[in-house]
PDB file of all heavy atoms in Angstrom:
ATOM      1  N   ASN A   1     112.778 103.056 110.847  1.00  0.00           N
ATOM      2  CA  ASN A   1     113.544 102.186 111.743  1.00  0.00           C
ATOM      3  C   ASN A   1     113.739 100.855 111.022  1.00  0.00           C
ATOM      4  O   ASN A   1     112.812 100.058 110.929  1.00  0.00           O
ATOM      5  CB  ASN A   1     112.786 101.956 113.060  1.00  0.00           C
ATOM      6  CG  ASN A   1     112.469 103.256 113.773  1.00  0.00           C
ATOM      7  OD1 ASN A   1     113.345 104.071 114.020  1.00  0.00           O
ATOM      8  ND2 ASN A   1     111.210 103.461 114.105  1.00  0.00           N
ATOM      9  N   LEU A   2     114.925 100.641 110.493  1.00  0.00           N
ATOM     10  CA  LEU A   2     115.145  99.468 109.654  1.00  0.00           C
ATOM     11  C   LEU A   2     116.296  98.621 110.173  1.00  0.00           C
ATOM     12  O   LEU A   2     117.410  99.112 110.369  1.00  0.00           O
ATOM     13  CB  LEU A   2     115.446  99.885 108.213  1.00  0.00           C
ATOM     14  CG  LEU A   2     115.505  98.745 107.196  1.00  0.00           C
ATOM     15  CD1 LEU A   2     114.098  98.192 106.944  1.00  0.00           C
ATOM     16  CD2 LEU A   2     116.126  99.218 105.893  1.00  0.00           C
ATOM     17  N   LEU A   3     116.014  97.340 110.396  1.00  0.00           N
ATOM     18  CA  LEU A   3     117.054  96.377 110.751  1.00  0.00           C
ATOM     19  C   LEU A   3     117.505  95.697 109.459  1.00  0.00           C
ATOM     20  O   LEU A   3     116.778  94.875 108.897  1.00  0.00           O
ATOM     21  CB  LEU A   3     116.519  95.344 111.742  1.00  0.00           C
ATOM     22  CG  LEU A   3     117.441  94.145 112.010  1.00  0.00           C
ATOM     23  CD1 LEU A   3     118.725  94.600 112.690  1.00  0.00           C
ATOM     24  CD2 LEU A   3     116.742  93.090 112.850  1.00  0.00           C
ATOM     25  N   ASP A   4     118.673  96.075 108.976  1.00  0.00           N
ATOM     26  CA  ASP A   4     119.243  95.438 107.789  1.00  0.00           C
ATOM     27  C   ASP A   4     120.168  94.333 108.281  1.00  0.00           C
ATOM     28  O   ASP A   4     121.179  94.601 108.930  1.00  0.00           O
ATOM     29  CB  ASP A   4     120.028  96.474 106.981  1.00  0.00           C
ATOM     30  CG  ASP A   4     120.647  95.887 105.711  1.00  0.00           C
ATOM     31  OD1 ASP A   4     120.577  94.654 105.523  1.00  0.00           O
ATOM     32  OD2 ASP A   4     121.207  96.666 104.917  1.00  0.00           O
ATOM     33  N   ILE A   5     119.834  93.082 107.983  1.00  0.00           N
ATOM     34  CA  ILE A   5     120.628  91.978 108.527  1.00  0.00           C
ATOM     35  C   ILE A   5     122.070  92.030 108.047  1.00  0.00           C
ATOM     36  O   ILE A   5     122.967  91.509 108.710  1.00  0.00           O
ATOM     37  CB  ILE A   5     120.012  90.604 108.164  1.00  0.00           C
ATOM     38  CG1 ILE A   5     119.951  90.409 106.642  1.00  0.00           C
ATOM     39  CG2 ILE A   5     118.642  90.444 108.794  1.00  0.00           C
ATOM     40  CD1 ILE A   5     119.597  88.998 106.229  1.00  0.00           C
ATOM     41  N   HIS A   6     122.326  92.697 106.923  1.00  0.00           N
ATOM     42  CA  HIS A   6     123.694  92.797 106.409  1.00  0.00           C
ATOM     43  C   HIS A   6     124.526  93.777 107.232  1.00  0.00           C
ATOM     44  O   HIS A   6     125.751  93.691 107.240  1.00  0.00           O
ATOM     45  CB  HIS A   6     123.675  93.228 104.942  1.00  0.00           C
ATOM     46  CG  HIS A   6     122.931  92.281 104.060  1.00  0.00           C
ATOM     47  ND1 HIS A   6     123.458  91.087 103.632  1.00  0.00           N
ATOM     48  CD2 HIS A   6     121.673  92.338 103.543  1.00  0.00           C
ATOM     49  CE1 HIS A   6     122.575  90.453 102.878  1.00  0.00           C
ATOM     50  NE2 HIS A   6     121.478  91.192 102.817  1.00  0.00           N
ATOM     51  N   GLY A   7     123.863  94.726 107.890  1.00  0.00           N
ATOM     52  CA  GLY A   7     124.578  95.685 108.717  1.00  0.00           C
ATOM     53  C   GLY A   7     124.579  95.307 110.189  1.00  0.00           C
ATOM     54  O   GLY A   7     125.082  96.059 111.031  1.00  0.00           O
ATOM     55  N   LEU A   8     124.018  94.154 110.505  1.00  0.00           N
ATOM     56  CA  LEU A   8     123.950  93.693 111.882  1.00  0.00           C
ATOM     57  C   LEU A   8     125.312  93.136 112.289  1.00  0.00           C
ATOM     58  O   LEU A   8     125.744  92.094 111.781  1.00  0.00           O
ATOM     59  CB  LEU A   8     122.872  92.619 112.013  1.00  0.00           C
ATOM     60  CG  LEU A   8     122.531  92.082 113.401  1.00  0.00           C
ATOM     61  CD1 LEU A   8     122.013  93.211 114.286  1.00  0.00           C
ATOM     62  CD2 LEU A   8     121.501  90.972 113.298  1.00  0.00           C
ATOM     63  N   GLU A   9     126.012  93.838 113.163  1.00  0.00           N
ATOM     64  CA  GLU A   9     127.373  93.444 113.521  1.00  0.00           C
ATOM     65  C   GLU A   9     127.415  92.077 114.175  1.00  0.00           C
ATOM     66  O   GLU A   9     128.309  91.275 113.919  1.00  0.00           O
ATOM     67  CB  GLU A   9     127.999  94.501 114.437  1.00  0.00           C
ATOM     68  CG  GLU A   9     128.232  95.836 113.737  1.00  0.00           C
ATOM     69  CD  GLU A   9     128.931  96.827 114.632  1.00  0.00           C
ATOM     70  OE1 GLU A   9     129.266  96.459 115.780  1.00  0.00           O
ATOM     71  OE2 GLU A   9     129.135  97.967 114.184  1.00  0.00           O
ATOM     72  N   THR A  10     126.482  91.810 115.054  1.00  0.00           N
ATOM     73  CA  THR A  10     126.423  90.494 115.682  1.00  0.00           C
ATOM     74  C   THR A  10     124.979  90.131 116.003  1.00  0.00           C
ATOM     75  O   THR A  10     124.282  90.898 116.679  1.00  0.00           O
ATOM     76  CB  THR A  10     127.259  90.430 116.973  1.00  0.00           C
ATOM     77  OG1 THR A  10     126.983  89.192 117.643  1.00  0.00           O
ATOM     78  CG2 THR A  10     126.947  91.583 117.904  1.00  0.00           C
ATOM     79  N   PRO A  11     124.499  88.992 115.542  1.00  0.00           N
ATOM     80  CA  PRO A  11     123.145  88.547 115.895  1.00  0.00           C
ATOM     81  C   PRO A  11     123.039  88.110 117.357  1.00  0.00           C
ATOM     82  O   PRO A  11     121.956  87.773 117.816  1.00  0.00           O
ATOM     83  CB  PRO A  11     122.908  87.351 114.954  1.00  0.00           C
ATOM     84  CG  PRO A  11     123.932  87.479 113.875  1.00  0.00           C
ATOM     85  CD  PRO A  11     125.126  88.108 114.555  1.00  0.00           C
ATOM     86  N   ASP A  12     124.153  88.113 118.092  1.00  0.00           N
ATOM     87  CA  ASP A  12     124.137  87.638 119.473  1.00  0.00           C
ATOM     88  C   ASP A  12     123.317  88.521 120.396  1.00  0.00           C
ATOM     89  O   ASP A  12     123.092  88.169 121.554  1.00  0.00           O
ATOM     90  CB  ASP A  12     125.572  87.537 120.014  1.00  0.00           C
ATOM     91  CG  ASP A  12     126.356  86.414 119.346  1.00  0.00           C
ATOM     92  OD1 ASP A  12     125.709  85.524 118.761  1.00  0.00           O
ATOM     93  OD2 ASP A  12     127.600  86.437 119.390  1.00  0.00           O
ATOM     94  N   VAL A  13     122.868  89.669 119.894  1.00  0.00           N
ATOM     95  CA  VAL A  13     122.009  90.531 120.694  1.00  0.00           C
ATOM     96  C   VAL A  13     120.639  89.879 120.888  1.00  0.00           C
ATOM     97  O   VAL A  13     119.878  90.267 121.774  1.00  0.00           O
ATOM     98  CB  VAL A  13     121.875  91.921 120.024  1.00  0.00           C
ATOM     99  CG1 VAL A  13     121.038  91.843 118.750  1.00  0.00           C
ATOM    100  CG2 VAL A  13     121.279  92.942 120.979  1.00  0.00           C
ATOM    101  N   PHE A  14     120.331  88.855 120.083  1.00  0.00           N
ATOM    102  CA  PHE A  14     119.057  88.157 120.199  1.00  0.00           C
ATOM    103  C   PHE A  14     119.218  86.878 121.018  1.00  0.00           C
ATOM    104  O   PHE A  14     120.276  86.236 120.994  1.00  0.00           O
ATOM    105  CB  PHE A  14     118.508  87.827 118.810  1.00  0.00           C
ATOM    106  CG  PHE A  14     118.305  89.055 117.958  1.00  0.00           C
ATOM    107  CD1 PHE A  14     119.169  89.342 116.909  1.00  0.00           C
ATOM    108  CD2 PHE A  14     117.270  89.938 118.225  1.00  0.00           C
ATOM    109  CE1 PHE A  14     118.995  90.480 116.134  1.00  0.00           C
ATOM    110  CE2 PHE A  14     117.085  91.083 117.465  1.00  0.00           C
ATOM    111  CZ  PHE A  14     117.954  91.347 116.413  1.00  0.00           C
ATOM    112  N   GLN A  15     118.157  86.501 121.725  1.00  0.00           N
ATOM    113  CA  GLN A  15     118.209  85.365 122.638  1.00  0.00           C
ATOM    114  C   GLN A  15     117.518  84.115 122.099  1.00  0.00           C
ATOM    115  O   GLN A  15     117.767  83.015 122.567  1.00  0.00           O
ATOM    116  CB  GLN A  15     117.558  85.749 123.984  1.00  0.00           C
ATOM    117  CG  GLN A  15     118.119  87.013 124.611  1.00  0.00           C
ATOM    118  CD  GLN A  15     119.590  86.878 124.949  1.00  0.00           C
ATOM    119  OE1 GLN A  15     120.008  85.876 125.526  1.00  0.00           O
ATOM    120  NE2 GLN A  15     120.373  87.881 124.592  1.00  0.00           N
ATOM    121  N   THR A  16     116.630  84.256 121.120  1.00  0.00           N
ATOM    122  CA  THR A  16     115.916  83.120 120.543  1.00  0.00           C
ATOM    123  C   THR A  16     116.642  82.661 119.278  1.00  0.00           C
ATOM    124  O   THR A  16     117.743  83.136 118.973  1.00  0.00           O
ATOM    125  CB  THR A  16     114.466  83.507 120.194  1.00  0.00           C
ATOM    126  OG1 THR A  16     114.490  84.488 119.150  1.00  0.00           O
ATOM    127  CG2 THR A  16     113.748  84.079 121.412  1.00  0.00           C
ATOM    128  N   ASP A  17     116.002  81.785 118.487  1.00  0.00           N
ATOM    129  CA  ASP A  17     116.631  81.329 117.251  1.00  0.00           C
ATOM    130  C   ASP A  17     116.648  82.401 116.163  1.00  0.00           C
ATOM    131  O   ASP A  17     117.106  82.153 115.046  1.00  0.00           O
ATOM    132  CB  ASP A  17     115.961  80.047 116.718  1.00  0.00           C
ATOM    133  CG  ASP A  17     114.465  80.177 116.523  1.00  0.00           C
ATOM    134  OD1 ASP A  17     113.954  81.315 116.512  1.00  0.00           O
ATOM    135  OD2 ASP A  17     113.794  79.134 116.387  1.00  0.00           O
ATOM    136  N   LEU A  18     116.193  83.617 116.492  1.00  0.00           N
ATOM    137  CA  LEU A  18     116.423  84.754 115.598  1.00  0.00           C
ATOM    138  C   LEU A  18     117.915  84.919 115.349  1.00  0.00           C
ATOM    139  O   LEU A  18     118.341  85.322 114.260  1.00  0.00           O
ATOM    140  CB  LEU A  18     115.874  86.044 116.212  1.00  0.00           C
ATOM    141  CG  LEU A  18     114.397  86.378 115.987  1.00  0.00           C
ATOM    142  CD1 LEU A  18     113.988  87.534 116.875  1.00  0.00           C
ATOM    143  CD2 LEU A  18     114.135  86.707 114.527  1.00  0.00           C
ATOM    144  N   ARG A  19     118.707  84.616 116.375  1.00  0.00           N
ATOM    145  CA  ARG A  19     120.166  84.725 116.262  1.00  0.00           C
ATOM    146  C   ARG A  19     120.675  83.831 115.133  1.00  0.00           C
ATOM    147  O   ARG A  19     121.466  84.264 114.283  1.00  0.00           O
ATOM    148  CB  ARG A  19     120.799  84.318 117.599  1.00  0.00           C
ATOM    149  CG  ARG A  19     122.311  84.325 117.624  1.00  0.00           C
ATOM    150  CD  ARG A  19     122.830  83.970 119.013  1.00  0.00           C
ATOM    151  NE  ARG A  19     122.272  82.710 119.481  1.00  0.00           N
ATOM    152  CZ  ARG A  19     121.516  82.584 120.575  1.00  0.00           C
ATOM    153  NH1 ARG A  19     121.216  83.632 121.309  1.00  0.00           N
ATOM    154  NH2 ARG A  19     121.045  81.398 120.927  1.00  0.00           N
ATOM    155  N   GLU A  20     120.204  82.589 115.087  1.00  0.00           N
ATOM    156  CA  GLU A  20     120.652  81.655 114.053  1.00  0.00           C
ATOM    157  C   GLU A  20     120.057  81.996 112.681  1.00  0.00           C
ATOM    158  O   GLU A  20     120.735  81.865 111.654  1.00  0.00           O
ATOM    159  CB  GLU A  20     120.286  80.221 114.436  1.00  0.00           C
ATOM    160  CG  GLU A  20     121.175  79.610 115.496  1.00  0.00           C
ATOM    161  CD  GLU A  20     120.995  80.220 116.867  1.00  0.00           C
ATOM    162  OE1 GLU A  20     119.846  80.551 117.229  1.00  0.00           O
ATOM    163  OE2 GLU A  20     122.008  80.384 117.593  1.00  0.00           O
ATOM    164  N   VAL A  21     118.792  82.407 112.665  1.00  0.00           N
ATOM    165  CA  VAL A  21     118.146  82.752 111.397  1.00  0.00           C
ATOM    166  C   VAL A  21     118.863  83.924 110.729  1.00  0.00           C
ATOM    167  O   VAL A  21     119.204  83.884 109.539  1.00  0.00           O
ATOM    168  CB  VAL A  21     116.652  83.075 111.615  1.00  0.00           C
ATOM    169  CG1 VAL A  21     116.053  83.768 110.392  1.00  0.00           C
ATOM    170  CG2 VAL A  21     115.883  81.805 111.920  1.00  0.00           C
ATOM    171  N   PHE A  22     119.123  84.990 111.499  1.00  0.00           N
ATOM    172  CA  PHE A  22     119.817  86.147 110.939  1.00  0.00           C
ATOM    173  C   PHE A  22     121.260  85.797 110.568  1.00  0.00           C
ATOM    174  O   PHE A  22     121.775  86.247 109.542  1.00  0.00           O
ATOM    175  CB  PHE A  22     119.788  87.314 111.924  1.00  0.00           C
ATOM    176  CG  PHE A  22     118.434  87.961 112.061  1.00  0.00           C
ATOM    177  CD1 PHE A  22     118.095  88.647 113.212  1.00  0.00           C
ATOM    178  CD2 PHE A  22     117.500  87.884 111.045  1.00  0.00           C
ATOM    179  CE1 PHE A  22     116.854  89.255 113.350  1.00  0.00           C
ATOM    180  CE2 PHE A  22     116.248  88.484 111.157  1.00  0.00           C
ATOM    181  CZ  PHE A  22     115.924  89.176 112.315  1.00  0.00           C
ATOM    182  N   GLY A  23     121.920  85.011 111.413  1.00  0.00           N
ATOM    183  CA  GLY A  23     123.297  84.606 111.124  1.00  0.00           C
ATOM    184  C   GLY A  23     123.388  83.805 109.839  1.00  0.00           C
ATOM    185  O   GLY A  23     124.326  83.970 109.051  1.00  0.00           O
ATOM    186  N   PHE A  24     122.415  82.939 109.615  1.00  0.00           N
ATOM    187  CA  PHE A  24     122.373  82.122 108.396  1.00  0.00           C
ATOM    188  C   PHE A  24     122.172  83.007 107.170  1.00  0.00           C
ATOM    189  O   PHE A  24     122.909  82.897 106.178  1.00  0.00           O
ATOM    190  CB  PHE A  24     121.229  81.111 108.513  1.00  0.00           C
ATOM    191  CG  PHE A  24     121.118  80.141 107.369  1.00  0.00           C
ATOM    192  CD1 PHE A  24     121.593  78.840 107.505  1.00  0.00           C
ATOM    193  CD2 PHE A  24     120.519  80.503 106.162  1.00  0.00           C
ATOM    194  CE1 PHE A  24     121.475  77.928 106.460  1.00  0.00           C
ATOM    195  CE2 PHE A  24     120.405  79.605 105.116  1.00  0.00           C
ATOM    196  CZ  PHE A  24     120.884  78.313 105.264  1.00  0.00           C
ATOM    197  N   LEU A  25     121.176  83.902 107.229  1.00  0.00           N
ATOM    198  CA  LEU A  25     120.862  84.742 106.081  1.00  0.00           C
ATOM    199  C   LEU A  25     121.984  85.726 105.772  1.00  0.00           C
ATOM    200  O   LEU A  25     122.196  86.089 104.613  1.00  0.00           O
ATOM    201  CB  LEU A  25     119.548  85.489 106.323  1.00  0.00           C
ATOM    202  CG  LEU A  25     118.300  84.604 106.425  1.00  0.00           C
ATOM    203  CD1 LEU A  25     117.060  85.451 106.720  1.00  0.00           C
ATOM    204  CD2 LEU A  25     118.083  83.809 105.141  1.00  0.00           C
ATOM    205  N   GLN A  26     122.721  86.149 106.788  1.00  0.00           N
ATOM    206  CA  GLN A  26     123.864  87.030 106.564  1.00  0.00           C
ATOM    207  C   GLN A  26     124.933  86.355 105.713  1.00  0.00           C
ATOM    208  O   GLN A  26     125.623  87.010 104.937  1.00  0.00           O
ATOM    209  CB  GLN A  26     124.503  87.426 107.900  1.00  0.00           C
ATOM    210  CG  GLN A  26     123.795  88.535 108.645  1.00  0.00           C
ATOM    211  CD  GLN A  26     124.540  88.885 109.925  1.00  0.00           C
ATOM    212  OE1 GLN A  26     125.050  88.007 110.636  1.00  0.00           O
ATOM    213  NE2 GLN A  26     124.621  90.158 110.229  1.00  0.00           N
ATOM    214  N   ARG A  27     125.061  85.037 105.850  1.00  0.00           N
ATOM    215  CA  ARG A  27     126.160  84.307 105.217  1.00  0.00           C
ATOM    216  C   ARG A  27     125.763  83.554 103.952  1.00  0.00           C
ATOM    217  O   ARG A  27     126.583  82.849 103.381  1.00  0.00           O
ATOM    218  CB  ARG A  27     126.742  83.304 106.231  1.00  0.00           C
ATOM    219  CG  ARG A  27     127.404  83.960 107.423  1.00  0.00           C
ATOM    220  CD  ARG A  27     127.675  82.952 108.537  1.00  0.00           C
ATOM    221  NE  ARG A  27     128.449  83.514 109.621  1.00  0.00           N
ATOM    222  CZ  ARG A  27     127.947  84.253 110.600  1.00  0.00           C
ATOM    223  NH1 ARG A  27     126.633  84.514 110.617  1.00  0.00           N
ATOM    224  NH2 ARG A  27     128.717  84.743 111.556  1.00  0.00           N
ATOM    225  N   GLN A  28     124.526  83.694 103.514  1.00  0.00           N
ATOM    226  CA  GLN A  28     124.062  82.872 102.397  1.00  0.00           C
ATOM    227  C   GLN A  28     124.790  83.167 101.093  1.00  0.00           C
ATOM    228  O   GLN A  28     124.793  82.349 100.174  1.00  0.00           O
ATOM    229  CB  GLN A  28     122.556  83.030 102.208  1.00  0.00           C
ATOM    230  CG  GLN A  28     122.091  84.421 101.865  1.00  0.00           C
ATOM    231  CD  GLN A  28     120.584  84.464 101.677  1.00  0.00           C
ATOM    232  OE1 GLN A  28     119.972  83.516 101.232  1.00  0.00           O
ATOM    233  NE2 GLN A  28     119.967  85.578 102.041  1.00  0.00           N
ATOM    234  N   GLY A  29     125.477  84.313 100.995  1.00  0.00           N
ATOM    235  CA  GLY A  29     126.237  84.620  99.796  1.00  0.00           C
ATOM    236  C   GLY A  29     127.619  84.001  99.773  1.00  0.00           C
ATOM    237  O   GLY A  29     128.324  84.057  98.761  1.00  0.00           O
ATOM    238  N   ASN A  30     128.044  83.397 100.896  1.00  0.00           N
ATOM    239  CA  ASN A  30     129.372  82.771 101.002  1.00  0.00           C
ATOM    240  C   ASN A  30     129.176  81.339 101.493  1.00  0.00           C
ATOM    241  O   ASN A  30     129.014  81.099 102.687  1.00  0.00           O
ATOM    242  CB  ASN A  30     130.248  83.568 101.967  1.00  0.00           C
ATOM    243  CG  ASN A  30     131.681  83.078 102.006  1.00  0.00           C
ATOM    244  OD1 ASN A  30     131.955  81.878 101.913  1.00  0.00           O
ATOM    245  ND2 ASN A  30     132.615  84.005 102.159  1.00  0.00           N
ATOM    246  N   LYS A  31     129.199  80.386 100.566  1.00  0.00           N
ATOM    247  CA  LYS A  31     128.867  79.001 100.902  1.00  0.00           C
ATOM    248  C   LYS A  31     129.819  78.403 101.940  1.00  0.00           C
ATOM    249  O   LYS A  31     129.386  77.712 102.864  1.00  0.00           O
ATOM    250  CB  LYS A  31     128.866  78.144  99.643  1.00  0.00           C
ATOM    251  CG  LYS A  31     127.707  78.443  98.714  1.00  0.00           C
ATOM    252  CD  LYS A  31     127.690  77.485  97.533  1.00  0.00           C
ATOM    253  CE  LYS A  31     126.501  77.766  96.623  1.00  0.00           C
ATOM    254  NZ  LYS A  31     126.463  76.835  95.471  1.00  0.00           N
ATOM    255  N   GLU A  32     131.114  78.653 101.790  1.00  0.00           N
ATOM    256  CA  GLU A  32     132.079  78.076 102.731  1.00  0.00           C
ATOM    257  C   GLU A  32     131.861  78.609 104.136  1.00  0.00           C
ATOM    258  O   GLU A  32     131.882  77.854 105.117  1.00  0.00           O
ATOM    259  CB  GLU A  32     133.500  78.376 102.258  1.00  0.00           C
ATOM    260  CG  GLU A  32     133.886  77.659 100.977  1.00  0.00           C
ATOM    261  CD  GLU A  32     135.327  77.918 100.581  1.00  0.00           C
ATOM    262  OE1 GLU A  32     136.028  78.639 101.333  1.00  0.00           O
ATOM    263  OE2 GLU A  32     135.762  77.414  99.531  1.00  0.00           O
ATOM    264  N   GLU A  33     131.666  79.911 104.243  1.00  0.00           N
ATOM    265  CA  GLU A  33     131.429  80.518 105.557  1.00  0.00           C
ATOM    266  C   GLU A  33     130.117  80.031 106.149  1.00  0.00           C
ATOM    267  O   GLU A  33     130.020  79.789 107.355  1.00  0.00           O
ATOM    268  CB  GLU A  33     131.418  82.040 105.427  1.00  0.00           C
ATOM    269  CG  GLU A  33     131.313  82.759 106.769  1.00  0.00           C
ATOM    270  CD  GLU A  33     131.332  84.272 106.618  1.00  0.00           C
ATOM    271  OE1 GLU A  33     131.653  84.748 105.509  1.00  0.00           O
ATOM    272  OE2 GLU A  33     131.014  84.952 107.616  1.00  0.00           O
ATOM    273  N   LEU A  34     129.106  79.869 105.301  1.00  0.00           N
ATOM    274  CA  LEU A  34     127.808  79.396 105.773  1.00  0.00           C
ATOM    275  C   LEU A  34     127.916  77.977 106.321  1.00  0.00           C
ATOM    276  O   LEU A  34     127.366  77.678 107.399  1.00  0.00           O
ATOM    277  CB  LEU A  34     126.792  79.435 104.625  1.00  0.00           C
ATOM    278  CG  LEU A  34     125.386  78.923 104.946  1.00  0.00           C
ATOM    279  CD1 LEU A  34     124.753  79.750 106.061  1.00  0.00           C
ATOM    280  CD2 LEU A  34     124.500  78.945 103.699  1.00  0.00           C
ATOM    281  N   VAL A  35     128.625  77.104 105.614  1.00  0.00           N
ATOM    282  CA  VAL A  35     128.787  75.720 106.075  1.00  0.00           C
ATOM    283  C   VAL A  35     129.509  75.687 107.413  1.00  0.00           C
ATOM    284  O   VAL A  35     129.113  74.959 108.332  1.00  0.00           O
ATOM    285  CB  VAL A  35     129.557  74.890 105.025  1.00  0.00           C
ATOM    286  CG1 VAL A  35     129.941  73.537 105.597  1.00  0.00           C
ATOM    287  CG2 VAL A  35     128.707  74.704 103.767  1.00  0.00           C
ATOM    288  N   ARG A  36     130.569  76.480 107.548  1.00  0.00           N
ATOM    289  CA  ARG A  36     131.308  76.522 108.831  1.00  0.00           C
ATOM    290  C   ARG A  36     130.398  77.008 109.960  1.00  0.00           C
ATOM    291  O   ARG A  36     130.443  76.472 111.078  1.00  0.00           O
ATOM    292  CB  ARG A  36     132.525  77.441 108.708  1.00  0.00           C
ATOM    293  CG  ARG A  36     133.676  76.860 107.909  1.00  0.00           C
ATOM    294  CD  ARG A  36     134.964  77.634 108.176  1.00  0.00           C
ATOM    295  NE  ARG A  36     134.839  79.030 107.801  1.00  0.00           N
ATOM    296  CZ  ARG A  36     135.115  79.514 106.600  1.00  0.00           C
ATOM    297  NH1 ARG A  36     135.531  78.699 105.644  1.00  0.00           N
ATOM    298  NH2 ARG A  36     134.993  80.805 106.338  1.00  0.00           N
ATOM    299  N   TYR A  37     129.592  78.024 109.660  1.00  0.00           N
ATOM    300  CA  TYR A  37     128.707  78.590 110.676  1.00  0.00           C
ATOM    301  C   TYR A  37     127.674  77.560 111.138  1.00  0.00           C
ATOM    302  O   TYR A  37     127.441  77.397 112.340  1.00  0.00           O
ATOM    303  CB  TYR A  37     128.012  79.820 110.112  1.00  0.00           C
ATOM    304  CG  TYR A  37     127.010  80.463 111.049  1.00  0.00           C
ATOM    305  CD1 TYR A  37     127.426  81.116 112.202  1.00  0.00           C
ATOM    306  CD2 TYR A  37     125.639  80.425 110.779  1.00  0.00           C
ATOM    307  CE1 TYR A  37     126.509  81.712 113.061  1.00  0.00           C
ATOM    308  CE2 TYR A  37     124.723  81.013 111.623  1.00  0.00           C
ATOM    309  CZ  TYR A  37     125.163  81.650 112.769  1.00  0.00           C
ATOM    310  OH  TYR A  37     124.249  82.236 113.611  1.00  0.00           O
ATOM    311  N   VAL A  38     127.061  76.876 110.180  1.00  0.00           N
ATOM    312  CA  VAL A  38     126.023  75.894 110.518  1.00  0.00           C
ATOM    313  C   VAL A  38     126.620  74.687 111.227  1.00  0.00           C
ATOM    314  O   VAL A  38     126.090  74.220 112.240  1.00  0.00           O
ATOM    315  CB  VAL A  38     125.271  75.458 109.240  1.00  0.00           C
ATOM    316  CG1 VAL A  38     124.332  74.285 109.539  1.00  0.00           C
ATOM    317  CG2 VAL A  38     124.469  76.627 108.668  1.00  0.00           C
ATOM    318  N   GLU A  39     127.744  74.173 110.709  1.00  0.00           N
ATOM    319  CA  GLU A  39     128.372  72.990 111.315  1.00  0.00           C
ATOM    320  C   GLU A  39     128.872  73.276 112.728  1.00  0.00           C
ATOM    321  O   GLU A  39     128.912  72.382 113.578  1.00  0.00           O
ATOM    322  CB  GLU A  39     129.543  72.513 110.444  1.00  0.00           C
ATOM    323  CG  GLU A  39     129.136  71.959 109.092  1.00  0.00           C
ATOM    324  CD  GLU A  39     128.517  70.576 109.197  1.00  0.00           C
ATOM    325  OE1 GLU A  39     128.503  70.000 110.289  1.00  0.00           O
ATOM    326  OE2 GLU A  39     128.036  70.072 108.156  1.00  0.00           O
TER     327      GLU A  39
END
């Protein structure tokens, strides 16, 4: 049973800051997208 954050369609299924942590790590390979997401 493996949760691969890269295959996670939407982190919105989580209610705590897991949503933001997974969303951040999903985008760390794309700096522009990551900045937009965080801002």
